[in-house]
N, C-alpha and C. Protein backbone atom coordinates (compact mmCIF):
# COMPACT_ATOMS: atom_id res chain seq x y z
N MET A 1 55.53 3.70 8.04
CA MET A 1 54.92 4.50 9.39
C MET A 1 55.75 5.36 9.01
N GLY A 2 55.19 6.74 9.70
CA GLY A 2 55.62 8.01 9.37
C GLY A 2 56.57 8.60 10.46
N ALA A 3 57.79 9.11 10.05
CA ALA A 3 58.62 9.69 11.17
C ALA A 3 58.93 11.56 10.70
N LYS A 4 59.15 11.82 11.61
CA LYS A 4 59.37 13.45 11.68
C LYS A 4 60.99 13.49 11.74
N VAL A 5 61.61 14.19 10.88
CA VAL A 5 62.90 14.34 10.66
C VAL A 5 63.39 16.45 11.58
N GLY A 6 63.69 16.15 12.32
CA GLY A 6 64.25 17.70 12.77
C GLY A 6 64.65 17.71 14.07
N ALA A 7 64.95 18.38 15.08
CA ALA A 7 65.73 18.93 16.06
C ALA A 7 64.50 18.87 16.88
N SER A 8 63.05 18.72 16.68
CA SER A 8 62.45 18.97 17.86
C SER A 8 62.21 17.40 18.47
N LYS A 9 62.04 17.87 19.91
CA LYS A 9 61.95 16.75 20.62
C LYS A 9 60.25 16.84 21.31
N GLY A 10 60.31 15.40 21.44
CA GLY A 10 58.43 15.28 21.87
C GLY A 10 58.25 14.03 21.22
N GLY A 11 56.84 14.02 21.14
CA GLY A 11 56.15 12.84 20.24
C GLY A 11 55.36 13.52 19.12
N MET A 12 54.94 12.89 18.03
CA MET A 12 54.43 13.09 16.71
C MET A 12 53.25 13.94 16.85
N ASP A 13 52.49 15.37 16.78
CA ASP A 13 51.52 15.76 16.39
C ASP A 13 50.61 15.60 15.36
N GLU A 14 50.92 14.75 14.59
CA GLU A 14 50.29 14.87 13.37
C GLU A 14 50.07 13.34 13.40
N ILE A 15 48.30 12.86 12.83
CA ILE A 15 47.70 11.79 12.57
C ILE A 15 48.43 10.51 11.37
N ASN A 16 48.66 9.05 11.81
CA ASN A 16 49.20 8.39 10.90
C ASN A 16 48.21 8.12 10.23
N VAL A 17 47.93 8.27 8.78
CA VAL A 17 47.16 7.82 8.31
C VAL A 17 47.39 6.37 6.97
N THR A 18 48.48 6.05 7.09
CA THR A 18 49.05 5.26 6.10
C THR A 18 48.36 3.70 6.55
N PRO A 19 48.13 3.34 7.82
CA PRO A 19 47.03 2.32 7.91
C PRO A 19 45.74 2.49 7.54
N LEU A 20 45.42 3.59 7.80
CA LEU A 20 44.01 3.66 6.99
C LEU A 20 43.83 3.68 5.36
N ILE A 21 44.45 4.27 4.83
CA ILE A 21 44.74 4.37 3.55
C ILE A 21 45.10 2.44 2.82
N ASP A 22 45.96 1.93 3.76
CA ASP A 22 45.66 0.49 3.41
C ASP A 22 44.92 -0.22 3.30
N VAL A 23 43.43 0.28 4.59
CA VAL A 23 42.15 -0.73 4.64
C VAL A 23 41.43 -0.35 3.81
N VAL A 24 41.36 1.29 3.46
CA VAL A 24 40.64 1.53 2.01
C VAL A 24 41.03 1.23 1.12
N LEU A 25 42.12 0.94 0.75
CA LEU A 25 42.60 -0.03 -0.53
C LEU A 25 42.05 -1.62 -0.79
N VAL A 26 42.09 -1.72 0.29
CA VAL A 26 41.49 -3.29 0.48
C VAL A 26 40.11 -3.24 0.33
N LEU A 27 39.52 -2.31 1.13
CA LEU A 27 37.93 -2.59 0.69
C LEU A 27 37.64 -2.21 -0.99
N LEU A 28 38.28 -1.43 -0.97
CA LEU A 28 38.27 -0.85 -2.89
C LEU A 28 38.21 -2.04 -3.66
N ILE A 29 39.57 -2.84 -3.29
CA ILE A 29 39.43 -4.09 -3.98
C ILE A 29 38.64 -5.12 -3.74
N ILE A 30 37.97 -5.37 -2.76
CA ILE A 30 36.86 -6.42 -2.36
C ILE A 30 35.71 -5.78 -3.25
N PHE A 31 35.12 -4.56 -2.89
CA PHE A 31 34.05 -4.31 -3.51
C PHE A 31 33.79 -4.18 -4.96
N MET A 32 35.28 -3.88 -5.49
CA MET A 32 35.34 -4.29 -7.14
C MET A 32 35.13 -5.43 -7.56
N VAL A 33 35.59 -6.84 -6.86
CA VAL A 33 35.44 -8.11 -7.10
C VAL A 33 34.30 -8.60 -6.70
N LEU A 34 33.69 -8.15 -6.10
CA LEU A 34 32.29 -8.31 -5.73
C LEU A 34 30.89 -8.06 -6.45
N THR A 35 31.36 -6.48 -7.25
CA THR A 35 30.21 -5.93 -7.90
C THR A 35 29.75 -6.34 -9.10
N PRO A 36 30.66 -6.97 -9.52
CA PRO A 36 30.26 -7.99 -11.06
C PRO A 36 29.48 -8.79 -10.92
N ILE A 37 29.98 -9.60 -9.78
CA ILE A 37 29.05 -11.04 -9.34
C ILE A 37 27.20 -11.02 -8.95
N THR A 38 27.37 -9.19 -7.89
CA THR A 38 26.13 -9.00 -7.66
C THR A 38 25.47 -8.82 -8.45
N MET A 39 25.78 -7.58 -9.48
CA MET A 39 25.12 -7.60 -10.59
C MET A 39 24.20 -8.62 -11.47
N GLN A 40 25.36 -9.84 -11.44
CA GLN A 40 24.92 -10.88 -12.26
C GLN A 40 23.28 -12.03 -11.51
N LYS A 41 24.05 -11.79 -10.55
CA LYS A 41 22.86 -12.55 -9.54
C LYS A 41 21.46 -11.58 -9.68
N MET A 42 21.87 -9.96 -9.87
CA MET A 42 20.07 -9.36 -9.65
C MET A 42 19.77 -9.32 -11.22
N ALA A 43 20.16 -9.96 -11.89
CA ALA A 43 19.42 -9.78 -13.48
C ALA A 43 18.57 -10.58 -13.25
N THR A 44 17.52 -10.21 -13.76
CA THR A 44 16.07 -10.72 -14.45
C THR A 44 15.22 -10.73 -15.19
N GLU A 45 14.80 -11.40 -15.60
CA GLU A 45 14.14 -11.35 -16.62
C GLU A 45 12.61 -11.20 -16.62
N LEU A 46 12.39 -10.01 -17.39
CA LEU A 46 11.24 -9.01 -17.29
C LEU A 46 10.60 -9.46 -18.15
N PRO A 47 9.29 -9.66 -17.99
CA PRO A 47 8.08 -9.68 -19.02
C PRO A 47 8.01 -8.38 -19.74
N PRO A 48 7.58 -9.02 -21.62
CA PRO A 48 7.63 -8.25 -22.56
C PRO A 48 6.41 -7.04 -22.54
N GLU A 49 6.85 -6.10 -22.97
CA GLU A 49 5.77 -4.72 -22.74
C GLU A 49 5.09 -4.45 -23.41
N ASP A 50 3.44 -5.08 -23.38
CA ASP A 50 2.61 -5.39 -24.40
C ASP A 50 1.91 -4.08 -23.45
N GLU A 51 1.34 -3.35 -24.72
CA GLU A 51 0.65 -1.96 -24.22
C GLU A 51 -0.95 -2.35 -24.42
N ASP A 52 -1.04 -3.52 -25.36
CA ASP A 52 -2.48 -3.98 -25.29
C ASP A 52 -3.50 -4.38 -24.38
N GLN A 53 -2.48 -5.18 -23.34
CA GLN A 53 -3.51 -5.54 -22.07
C GLN A 53 -2.77 -4.68 -21.04
N PRO A 54 -3.49 -4.70 -20.13
CA PRO A 54 -3.54 -3.93 -18.72
C PRO A 54 -2.98 -4.90 -17.64
N PRO A 55 -1.98 -4.40 -17.10
CA PRO A 55 -1.26 -5.12 -16.04
C PRO A 55 -2.47 -6.10 -15.14
N PRO A 56 -2.80 -7.19 -14.65
CA PRO A 56 -3.41 -8.10 -14.03
C PRO A 56 -3.69 -7.33 -12.53
N PRO A 57 -5.19 -7.53 -11.90
CA PRO A 57 -5.24 -6.75 -10.90
C PRO A 57 -4.60 -7.51 -9.70
N PRO A 58 -4.29 -6.48 -8.42
CA PRO A 58 -3.55 -7.39 -7.42
C PRO A 58 -4.44 -8.14 -6.87
N PRO A 59 -4.07 -9.08 -6.13
CA PRO A 59 -4.80 -10.43 -5.54
C PRO A 59 -5.81 -9.62 -4.55
N GLN A 60 -7.10 -10.22 -4.62
CA GLN A 60 -8.07 -9.32 -3.78
C GLN A 60 -7.75 -9.47 -2.21
N GLN A 61 -6.72 -10.80 -1.75
CA GLN A 61 -6.59 -10.97 -0.36
C GLN A 61 -6.02 -9.66 0.07
N ASP A 62 -5.39 -8.88 -0.57
CA ASP A 62 -4.19 -7.71 -0.08
C ASP A 62 -5.12 -6.87 -0.65
N GLU A 63 -6.34 -6.58 -0.86
CA GLU A 63 -7.10 -5.54 -1.37
C GLU A 63 -7.43 -4.38 0.36
N GLN A 64 -7.40 -3.39 -0.14
CA GLN A 64 -7.78 -2.78 1.21
C GLN A 64 -9.52 -2.49 1.08
N LEU A 65 -10.13 -3.02 2.16
CA LEU A 65 -11.37 -2.75 1.98
C LEU A 65 -12.00 -1.48 2.66
N MET A 66 -12.87 -0.89 1.87
CA MET A 66 -13.26 0.52 2.09
C MET A 66 -14.61 0.96 1.86
N VAL A 67 -15.22 0.83 3.08
CA VAL A 67 -16.92 1.18 3.13
C VAL A 67 -17.03 2.18 3.21
N ALA A 68 -17.65 3.18 2.32
CA ALA A 68 -18.58 4.40 2.18
C ALA A 68 -19.98 4.78 2.29
N ILE A 69 -20.50 5.50 3.33
CA ILE A 69 -21.44 5.54 3.55
C ILE A 69 -21.71 7.39 3.47
N TYR A 70 -22.65 7.33 2.04
CA TYR A 70 -22.99 8.27 1.37
C TYR A 70 -24.39 9.47 2.15
N ASP A 71 -24.23 10.58 1.87
CA ASP A 71 -25.59 11.33 2.60
C ASP A 71 -26.62 11.12 2.44
N ASP A 72 -27.22 10.30 1.50
CA ASP A 72 -28.25 9.81 1.28
C ASP A 72 -28.98 8.37 2.08
N ALA A 73 -27.64 7.85 2.41
CA ALA A 73 -27.52 6.51 3.30
C ALA A 73 -27.56 5.57 2.19
N SER A 74 -26.69 5.41 1.01
CA SER A 74 -26.14 4.54 0.33
C SER A 74 -25.26 4.26 0.75
N LEU A 75 -24.65 2.72 0.01
CA LEU A 75 -23.25 2.41 1.07
C LEU A 75 -22.19 1.96 -0.36
N ALA A 76 -21.16 1.75 -0.37
CA ALA A 76 -20.53 1.21 -1.25
C ALA A 76 -19.20 0.82 -0.94
N LEU A 77 -18.76 -0.37 -1.27
CA LEU A 77 -17.62 -1.15 -0.92
C LEU A 77 -16.65 -0.89 -2.00
N ASN A 78 -15.80 -0.15 -1.59
CA ASN A 78 -14.37 -0.10 -2.94
C ASN A 78 -14.95 0.84 -4.00
N LEU A 79 -15.68 1.66 -3.40
CA LEU A 79 -16.89 2.45 -4.42
C LEU A 79 -17.86 2.01 -5.35
N VAL A 80 -17.64 0.40 -5.30
CA VAL A 80 -18.69 -0.09 -6.08
C VAL A 80 -19.94 -0.05 -5.10
N PRO A 81 -21.09 0.61 -5.47
CA PRO A 81 -22.62 0.73 -4.85
C PRO A 81 -23.03 -0.57 -4.43
N VAL A 82 -23.65 -1.05 -3.11
CA VAL A 82 -24.15 -2.06 -2.47
C VAL A 82 -24.88 -1.93 -1.50
N ASP A 83 -26.42 -2.82 -1.21
CA ASP A 83 -27.00 -2.98 -0.37
C ASP A 83 -26.18 -3.42 0.92
N GLU A 84 -27.14 -3.40 2.15
CA GLU A 84 -26.34 -3.78 3.18
C GLU A 84 -26.15 -5.29 3.36
N ALA A 85 -27.70 -6.33 2.48
CA ALA A 85 -27.18 -7.54 2.52
C ALA A 85 -25.92 -8.11 1.74
N ARG A 86 -26.16 -7.24 0.30
CA ARG A 86 -24.41 -7.46 0.04
C ARG A 86 -23.21 -7.13 0.47
N LEU A 87 -23.25 -6.18 1.37
CA LEU A 87 -21.86 -5.45 1.81
C LEU A 87 -21.62 -6.46 2.96
N ALA A 88 -22.40 -6.98 3.59
CA ALA A 88 -22.42 -8.09 4.64
C ALA A 88 -21.41 -9.36 3.67
N GLU A 89 -22.14 -9.54 3.07
CA GLU A 89 -21.44 -10.75 2.29
C GLU A 89 -20.37 -10.77 1.43
N GLU A 90 -19.94 -9.43 0.75
CA GLU A 90 -18.92 -9.20 0.51
C GLU A 90 -17.78 -9.24 1.64
N LEU A 91 -18.00 -8.58 2.61
CA LEU A 91 -17.03 -8.80 3.73
C LEU A 91 -16.71 -9.91 4.08
N LYS A 92 -17.52 -10.83 4.42
CA LYS A 92 -17.13 -12.02 4.70
C LYS A 92 -16.59 -12.67 3.77
N LYS A 93 -16.72 -12.88 2.63
CA LYS A 93 -15.95 -13.43 1.71
C LYS A 93 -14.62 -13.31 1.92
N ARG A 94 -14.21 -11.74 1.77
CA ARG A 94 -13.07 -11.20 1.63
C ARG A 94 -12.34 -10.98 2.63
N LEU A 95 -13.15 -11.23 3.96
CA LEU A 95 -11.91 -11.29 5.28
C LEU A 95 -11.96 -13.00 5.61
N LYS A 96 -12.57 -13.88 5.11
CA LYS A 96 -12.34 -14.93 5.24
C LYS A 96 -11.17 -15.81 5.42
N GLY A 97 -10.49 -15.54 4.21
CA GLY A 97 -9.07 -15.86 4.25
C GLY A 97 -7.91 -15.55 4.46
N ARG A 98 -7.93 -14.32 5.27
CA ARG A 98 -7.26 -13.20 5.49
C ARG A 98 -6.40 -13.97 6.94
N ALA A 99 -5.58 -13.38 7.39
CA ALA A 99 -4.64 -13.31 8.55
C ALA A 99 -5.53 -12.39 9.52
N SER A 100 -5.65 -12.75 10.54
CA SER A 100 -6.48 -11.59 11.41
C SER A 100 -5.62 -10.74 11.37
N SER A 101 -4.24 -10.51 11.24
CA SER A 101 -3.63 -9.19 11.46
C SER A 101 -4.04 -8.21 10.70
N LYS A 102 -4.36 -9.23 9.06
CA LYS A 102 -4.95 -8.39 7.90
C LYS A 102 -6.29 -7.96 7.90
N ARG A 103 -6.98 -8.16 8.66
CA ARG A 103 -8.65 -8.25 8.62
C ARG A 103 -9.03 -7.08 9.09
N ASN A 104 -8.38 -6.12 8.12
CA ASN A 104 -8.60 -4.34 8.62
C ASN A 104 -9.90 -4.00 7.52
N VAL A 105 -10.83 -2.88 8.53
CA VAL A 105 -11.94 -2.47 7.11
C VAL A 105 -12.03 -1.06 7.76
N PHE A 106 -11.88 0.09 6.62
CA PHE A 106 -11.92 1.33 6.86
C PHE A 106 -13.39 1.59 6.24
N VAL A 107 -13.60 2.81 7.32
CA VAL A 107 -15.24 3.22 6.97
C VAL A 107 -14.88 4.72 6.42
N ASP A 108 -15.25 5.47 5.83
CA ASP A 108 -15.47 6.78 5.11
C ASP A 108 -16.88 7.45 4.86
N ALA A 109 -16.91 7.75 5.86
CA ALA A 109 -19.25 8.64 6.16
C ALA A 109 -18.86 9.72 5.81
N HIS A 110 -20.07 10.03 4.82
CA HIS A 110 -20.26 11.72 4.69
C HIS A 110 -20.59 12.53 5.89
N PRO A 111 -19.95 13.73 6.40
CA PRO A 111 -20.35 14.39 7.21
C PRO A 111 -21.98 14.67 7.57
N ASP A 112 -22.80 14.54 6.47
CA ASP A 112 -24.06 14.48 6.91
C ASP A 112 -24.85 12.84 7.10
N ALA A 113 -23.95 11.91 7.15
CA ALA A 113 -24.81 10.72 7.31
C ALA A 113 -25.06 10.76 8.59
N ALA A 114 -26.03 9.66 8.80
CA ALA A 114 -26.83 9.69 10.17
C ALA A 114 -25.43 9.34 11.05
N TYR A 115 -25.61 8.91 12.22
CA TYR A 115 -24.40 8.64 13.22
C TYR A 115 -24.95 7.05 13.43
N ASP A 116 -26.31 6.55 13.61
CA ASP A 116 -26.69 5.52 13.49
C ASP A 116 -26.31 4.30 12.63
N GLN A 117 -26.22 4.86 11.79
CA GLN A 117 -26.28 3.96 10.16
C GLN A 117 -24.09 4.14 10.66
N VAL A 118 -24.06 4.74 10.55
CA VAL A 118 -22.40 4.95 10.63
C VAL A 118 -21.77 3.51 11.46
N VAL A 119 -22.54 3.59 12.86
CA VAL A 119 -22.39 2.93 13.91
C VAL A 119 -22.51 1.27 13.85
N HIS A 120 -23.75 1.57 12.88
CA HIS A 120 -24.45 0.10 12.35
C HIS A 120 -23.24 -0.19 11.55
N VAL A 121 -22.67 0.28 10.43
CA VAL A 121 -21.71 -0.26 9.71
C VAL A 121 -20.43 -0.86 10.40
N ILE A 122 -20.33 0.07 11.75
CA ILE A 122 -19.12 -0.54 11.97
C ILE A 122 -19.17 -1.82 12.80
N ASP A 123 -20.47 -1.58 13.35
CA ASP A 123 -21.06 -3.54 13.86
C ASP A 123 -21.05 -4.20 13.26
N LEU A 124 -21.59 -4.32 11.80
CA LEU A 124 -21.79 -4.60 10.75
C LEU A 124 -20.54 -5.39 10.17
N ALA A 125 -19.84 -4.52 10.26
CA ALA A 125 -17.65 -5.48 10.00
C ALA A 125 -17.49 -6.11 10.69
N ARG A 126 -17.64 -5.78 11.97
CA ARG A 126 -17.25 -6.34 13.08
C ARG A 126 -17.79 -7.97 13.21
N ASP A 127 -19.13 -7.73 12.53
CA ASP A 127 -19.70 -9.13 12.65
C ASP A 127 -19.47 -10.17 11.48
N CYS A 128 -19.02 -9.42 10.70
CA CYS A 128 -18.29 -9.95 9.46
C CYS A 128 -16.98 -10.54 9.39
N GLY A 129 -16.12 -10.36 10.22
CA GLY A 129 -14.97 -10.61 10.57
C GLY A 129 -13.91 -9.87 10.99
N ALA A 130 -14.21 -8.53 10.98
CA ALA A 130 -12.99 -7.43 10.91
C ALA A 130 -12.48 -7.41 12.28
N GLU A 131 -11.54 -7.54 12.24
CA GLU A 131 -10.06 -7.41 13.57
C GLU A 131 -10.42 -5.63 14.47
N ARG A 132 -10.19 -4.91 13.65
CA ARG A 132 -10.29 -3.50 13.29
C ARG A 132 -10.76 -2.91 12.48
N VAL A 133 -11.55 -1.77 13.01
CA VAL A 133 -12.33 -0.55 11.93
C VAL A 133 -11.55 0.37 12.31
N GLY A 134 -11.43 1.05 11.34
CA GLY A 134 -10.77 2.08 11.26
C GLY A 134 -11.13 3.39 10.20
N PHE A 135 -11.38 4.61 10.68
CA PHE A 135 -12.27 6.05 9.44
C PHE A 135 -11.01 6.34 8.87
N ALA A 136 -11.38 6.45 7.63
CA ALA A 136 -10.93 7.49 6.36
C ALA A 136 -10.86 9.24 6.86
N ASP A 137 -10.12 9.92 6.76
CA ASP A 137 -10.28 10.92 6.69
C ASP A 137 -11.37 12.24 6.28
N MET A 138 -11.93 12.76 6.90
CA MET A 138 -13.44 13.11 6.56
C MET A 138 -12.86 14.42 5.51
N LYS A 139 -13.66 14.51 4.40
CA LYS A 139 -13.46 15.41 3.33
C LYS A 139 -14.94 16.33 3.55
N ASP A 140 -14.79 17.40 3.04
CA ASP A 140 -15.83 18.58 3.41
C ASP A 140 -16.97 17.45 2.22
N GLU A 141 -16.94 16.93 0.93
CA GLU A 141 -17.43 16.80 0.02
C GLU A 141 -18.12 15.17 0.25
N GLY A 142 -17.39 14.57 1.26
CA GLY A 142 -17.48 13.32 1.52
C GLY A 142 -16.88 12.16 1.22
N PRO A 143 -17.43 10.80 1.06
CA PRO A 143 -16.38 9.57 0.15
C PRO A 143 -16.92 9.78 -1.22
N THR A 144 -15.74 9.89 -2.16
CA THR A 144 -15.92 9.74 -3.51
C THR A 144 -16.80 8.74 -3.99
N ARG A 145 -17.81 9.29 -5.08
CA ARG A 145 -18.96 8.69 -6.03
C ARG A 145 -17.88 8.70 -7.28
N VAL A 146 -18.38 7.27 -7.92
CA VAL A 146 -18.07 6.70 -9.05
C VAL A 146 -19.13 7.11 -9.98
N THR A 147 -19.01 7.51 -10.85
CA THR A 147 -19.78 7.08 -11.98
C THR A 147 -20.30 6.00 -12.72
N PRO A 148 -21.32 5.62 -13.39
CA PRO A 148 -21.29 4.53 -14.00
C PRO A 148 -20.50 3.98 -14.98
N GLU A 149 -19.71 4.98 -15.74
CA GLU A 149 -18.93 5.07 -16.90
C GLU A 149 -17.20 4.36 -15.80
N GLN A 150 -17.36 5.02 -14.79
CA GLN A 150 -15.90 4.75 -14.13
C GLN A 150 -16.18 3.57 -13.81
N LEU A 151 -17.04 3.08 -13.17
CA LEU A 151 -17.85 1.68 -12.27
C LEU A 151 -17.18 0.87 -13.69
N LEU A 152 -17.61 0.48 -14.74
CA LEU A 152 -17.44 -0.09 -16.03
C LEU A 152 -16.28 -0.34 -16.28
N ILE A 153 -15.53 0.94 -15.92
CA ILE A 153 -13.92 0.72 -16.26
C ILE A 153 -13.38 -0.06 -15.17
N MET A 154 -13.41 0.35 -14.01
CA MET A 154 -13.08 -0.57 -12.38
C MET A 154 -13.36 -2.38 -12.70
N GLN A 155 -14.36 -2.27 -13.61
CA GLN A 155 -15.07 -3.95 -13.28
C GLN A 155 -14.31 -4.80 -14.89
N GLY A 156 -13.50 -3.89 -15.69
CA GLY A 156 -13.27 -4.80 -16.58
C GLY A 156 -13.84 -4.11 -17.88
N GLY A 157 -14.87 -3.60 -18.19
CA GLY A 157 -15.75 -3.30 -19.22
C GLY A 157 -16.57 -4.36 -19.80
N GLY A 158 -17.17 -4.21 -20.72
CA GLY A 158 -17.97 -5.12 -20.93
C GLY A 158 -19.30 -5.09 -20.30
N GLY A 159 -20.94 -5.42 -21.05
CA GLY A 159 -22.00 -5.37 -20.73
C GLY A 159 -22.56 -3.81 -20.21
N ALA A 160 -23.77 -3.83 -20.29
CA ALA A 160 -24.28 -2.69 -20.11
C ALA A 160 -23.96 -1.70 -18.47
N ALA A 161 -24.03 -0.68 -18.05
CA ALA A 161 -23.52 0.03 -17.23
C ALA A 161 -24.58 -0.06 -15.88
N PRO A 162 -24.03 -0.61 -14.95
CA PRO A 162 -24.72 -0.61 -13.40
C PRO A 162 -25.67 0.92 -13.65
N PRO A 163 -26.74 0.62 -12.77
CA PRO A 163 -27.48 1.77 -12.11
C PRO A 163 -27.05 3.12 -11.39
N PRO A 164 -26.78 3.93 -11.81
CA PRO A 164 -26.45 4.99 -10.97
C PRO A 164 -26.42 4.79 -9.24
N PRO A 165 -25.88 4.88 -8.47
CA PRO A 165 -25.76 4.89 -6.63
C PRO A 165 -26.93 5.65 -6.49
N GLY A 166 -27.62 5.13 -6.08
CA GLY A 166 -28.57 6.12 -4.86
C GLY A 166 -29.38 5.61 -3.99
N PRO A 167 -30.59 5.89 -3.27
CA PRO A 167 -31.69 5.42 -2.61
C PRO A 167 -32.20 4.43 -3.22
């Protein structure tokens, strides 16, 4: 406890910080004891770094579904060119095992794409099981197109290159 020595009469006008220092020291000791225990629990065994093998792709169920509609009326699902029948088949397959809150499909349409085709693709996505259909940010140049070489790399390489996307 603090006391004021002198001839002044009245109460102390300074804050007594002794109890605060005691509490801080106790907390410091507790944290010093718990930190090594916490560090031991957090230790994990990481896989060895192997630069020859790429990391495994994420599971398809968590994959975001993006349907691109190009100005020439061609379609793509996650940048892979598809026709309408294949698009419906793939959407049904990929949306089937998902929880209803994760059945989202995004549409990225070129500014010059026909309005009725965009509406048709939205209806197709809903018919295939999508709970929500959203729009991607419009870009002046439209949705991204991949070259056959990029598509080959995305699919894991090997084999002949697929034909370029087109009508």
